[in-house]
Amino acid sequence: MANWKEIVKSPTWLFPTALLLFLGFIETVHVIKHGKYCKTESEWVYEQGMDYDKESLVD
């Protein structure tokens, strides 16, 4: 059985784990800041100077 220190330093699982942690951090920051920086579809349409017709989006 390999020493646990060798397993921890192994890039086989270290790289994917680090990548998942990084992406999880980015998504967490996005969710926290979502209300301040992200717009709804109606806000995007209004910013373009058009009218937002929600009923036209119904399939």
N, C-alpha and C. Protein backbone atom coordinates (compact mmCIF):
# COMPACT_ATOMS: atom_id res chain seq x y z
N MET A 1 0.85 -1.18 0.00
CA MET A 1 0.00 0.00 0.00
C MET A 1 0.89 1.24 0.00
N ALA A 2 0.52 2.21 -0.80
CA ALA A 2 1.31 3.43 -0.93
C ALA A 2 1.14 4.30 0.32
N ASN A 3 2.16 5.05 0.57
CA ASN A 3 2.14 5.99 1.68
C ASN A 3 1.10 7.08 1.38
N TRP A 4 0.36 7.56 2.38
CA TRP A 4 -0.69 8.55 2.16
C TRP A 4 -0.13 9.85 1.62
N LYS A 5 1.11 10.19 1.97
CA LYS A 5 1.72 11.42 1.45
C LYS A 5 1.96 11.32 -0.06
N GLU A 6 2.29 10.12 -0.53
CA GLU A 6 2.47 9.92 -1.96
C GLU A 6 1.14 10.02 -2.69
N ILE A 7 0.09 9.51 -2.06
CA ILE A 7 -1.23 9.56 -2.67
C ILE A 7 -1.72 11.01 -2.76
N VAL A 8 -1.51 11.78 -1.70
CA VAL A 8 -1.96 13.17 -1.67
C VAL A 8 -1.24 13.99 -2.73
N LYS A 9 0.03 13.72 -2.97
CA LYS A 9 0.80 14.48 -3.96
C LYS A 9 0.59 13.99 -5.38
N SER A 10 -0.16 12.93 -5.57
CA SER A 10 -0.37 12.35 -6.89
C SER A 10 -1.22 13.28 -7.77
N PRO A 11 -0.73 13.63 -8.96
CA PRO A 11 -1.51 14.50 -9.85
C PRO A 11 -2.74 13.81 -10.45
N THR A 12 -2.82 12.49 -10.28
CA THR A 12 -3.96 11.75 -10.83
C THR A 12 -5.28 12.25 -10.26
N TRP A 13 -5.33 12.53 -9.00
CA TRP A 13 -6.56 13.04 -8.40
C TRP A 13 -6.41 14.48 -7.95
N LEU A 14 -5.17 14.96 -7.77
CA LEU A 14 -4.96 16.32 -7.28
C LEU A 14 -5.43 17.36 -8.29
N PHE A 15 -5.09 17.19 -9.56
CA PHE A 15 -5.50 18.17 -10.58
C PHE A 15 -7.01 18.25 -10.74
N PRO A 16 -7.72 17.13 -10.91
CA PRO A 16 -9.19 17.23 -11.03
C PRO A 16 -9.85 17.80 -9.77
N THR A 17 -9.33 17.45 -8.61
CA THR A 17 -9.89 17.97 -7.36
C THR A 17 -9.67 19.47 -7.26
N ALA A 18 -8.47 19.94 -7.60
CA ALA A 18 -8.19 21.37 -7.56
C ALA A 18 -9.07 22.12 -8.56
N LEU A 19 -9.27 21.53 -9.74
CA LEU A 19 -10.12 22.16 -10.74
C LEU A 19 -11.57 22.25 -10.26
N LEU A 20 -12.08 21.19 -9.66
CA LEU A 20 -13.45 21.22 -9.13
C LEU A 20 -13.60 22.24 -8.00
N LEU A 21 -12.60 22.33 -7.14
CA LEU A 21 -12.66 23.32 -6.07
C LEU A 21 -12.65 24.74 -6.62
N PHE A 22 -11.82 24.96 -7.62
CA PHE A 22 -11.74 26.29 -8.24
C PHE A 22 -13.07 26.66 -8.91
N LEU A 23 -13.65 25.73 -9.67
CA LEU A 23 -14.92 26.00 -10.33
C LEU A 23 -16.05 26.17 -9.31
N GLY A 24 -15.99 25.40 -8.24
CA GLY A 24 -16.98 25.56 -7.17
C GLY A 24 -16.88 26.91 -6.51
N PHE A 25 -15.67 27.40 -6.32
CA PHE A 25 -15.45 28.73 -5.74
C PHE A 25 -16.03 29.81 -6.65
N ILE A 26 -15.75 29.69 -7.95
CA ILE A 26 -16.26 30.67 -8.92
C ILE A 26 -17.79 30.68 -8.92
N GLU A 27 -18.39 29.49 -8.90
CA GLU A 27 -19.86 29.41 -8.90
C GLU A 27 -20.45 29.98 -7.61
N THR A 28 -19.79 29.75 -6.49
CA THR A 28 -20.26 30.30 -5.22
C THR A 28 -20.22 31.82 -5.24
N VAL A 29 -19.14 32.39 -5.74
CA VAL A 29 -19.04 33.85 -5.85
C VAL A 29 -20.12 34.37 -6.80
N HIS A 30 -20.36 33.67 -7.89
CA HIS A 30 -21.39 34.09 -8.83
C HIS A 30 -22.77 34.11 -8.18
N VAL A 31 -23.08 33.07 -7.43
CA VAL A 31 -24.40 33.00 -6.77
C VAL A 31 -24.54 34.12 -5.74
N ILE A 32 -23.47 34.39 -5.00
CA ILE A 32 -23.53 35.44 -3.98
C ILE A 32 -23.71 36.81 -4.62
N LYS A 33 -23.02 37.08 -5.72
CA LYS A 33 -23.06 38.38 -6.37
C LYS A 33 -24.14 38.48 -7.46
N HIS A 34 -24.93 37.45 -7.66
CA HIS A 34 -25.86 37.39 -8.78
C HIS A 34 -26.83 38.57 -8.81
N GLY A 35 -27.40 38.89 -7.71
CA GLY A 35 -28.39 39.97 -7.68
C GLY A 35 -27.81 41.32 -8.05
N LYS A 36 -26.55 41.53 -7.79
CA LYS A 36 -25.93 42.83 -8.04
C LYS A 36 -25.47 42.97 -9.49
N TYR A 37 -24.95 41.90 -10.07
CA TYR A 37 -24.30 42.01 -11.37
C TYR A 37 -25.04 41.37 -12.53
N CYS A 38 -25.95 40.47 -12.30
CA CYS A 38 -26.63 39.77 -13.38
C CYS A 38 -28.01 40.37 -13.62
N LYS A 39 -28.39 40.42 -14.88
CA LYS A 39 -29.66 41.01 -15.27
C LYS A 39 -30.63 39.92 -15.71
N THR A 40 -31.90 40.23 -15.56
CA THR A 40 -32.92 39.32 -16.09
C THR A 40 -33.07 39.59 -17.58
N GLU A 41 -33.80 38.70 -18.27
CA GLU A 41 -34.01 38.88 -19.70
C GLU A 41 -34.75 40.19 -19.98
N SER A 42 -35.71 40.52 -19.14
CA SER A 42 -36.47 41.75 -19.36
C SER A 42 -35.58 42.98 -19.20
N GLU A 43 -34.62 42.94 -18.29
CA GLU A 43 -33.69 44.06 -18.13
C GLU A 43 -32.79 44.22 -19.35
N TRP A 44 -32.34 43.09 -19.94
CA TRP A 44 -31.52 43.16 -21.15
C TRP A 44 -32.33 43.77 -22.30
N VAL A 45 -33.58 43.33 -22.45
CA VAL A 45 -34.42 43.82 -23.54
C VAL A 45 -34.69 45.31 -23.34
N TYR A 46 -35.02 45.72 -22.12
CA TYR A 46 -35.30 47.13 -21.84
C TYR A 46 -34.07 47.99 -22.12
N GLU A 47 -32.88 47.48 -21.80
CA GLU A 47 -31.64 48.23 -22.03
C GLU A 47 -31.41 48.46 -23.52
N GLN A 48 -31.89 47.52 -24.36
CA GLN A 48 -31.75 47.65 -25.81
C GLN A 48 -32.79 48.62 -26.40
N GLY A 49 -33.70 49.08 -25.56
CA GLY A 49 -34.71 50.03 -26.02
C GLY A 49 -35.94 49.37 -26.62
N MET A 50 -36.10 48.09 -26.37
CA MET A 50 -37.26 47.38 -26.89
C MET A 50 -38.23 47.09 -25.76
N ASP A 51 -39.43 46.67 -26.14
CA ASP A 51 -40.43 46.28 -25.13
C ASP A 51 -40.30 44.79 -24.88
N TYR A 52 -40.44 44.41 -23.61
CA TYR A 52 -40.36 43.00 -23.21
C TYR A 52 -41.77 42.45 -23.15
N ASP A 53 -42.07 41.51 -24.03
CA ASP A 53 -43.39 40.89 -24.06
C ASP A 53 -43.26 39.45 -23.59
N LYS A 54 -43.56 39.22 -22.33
CA LYS A 54 -43.40 37.88 -21.75
C LYS A 54 -44.32 36.86 -22.41
N GLU A 55 -45.48 37.28 -22.87
CA GLU A 55 -46.42 36.35 -23.48
C GLU A 55 -45.89 35.80 -24.80
N SER A 56 -45.03 36.54 -25.48
CA SER A 56 -44.51 36.05 -26.76
C SER A 56 -43.50 34.93 -26.56
N LEU A 57 -43.02 34.73 -25.34
CA LEU A 57 -42.05 33.68 -25.06
C LEU A 57 -42.72 32.33 -24.80
N VAL A 58 -44.03 32.32 -24.63
CA VAL A 58 -44.75 31.08 -24.35
C VAL A 58 -44.81 30.23 -25.61
N ASP A 59 -44.45 28.96 -25.47
CA ASP A 59 -44.45 28.07 -26.64
C ASP A 59 -45.84 27.60 -26.98
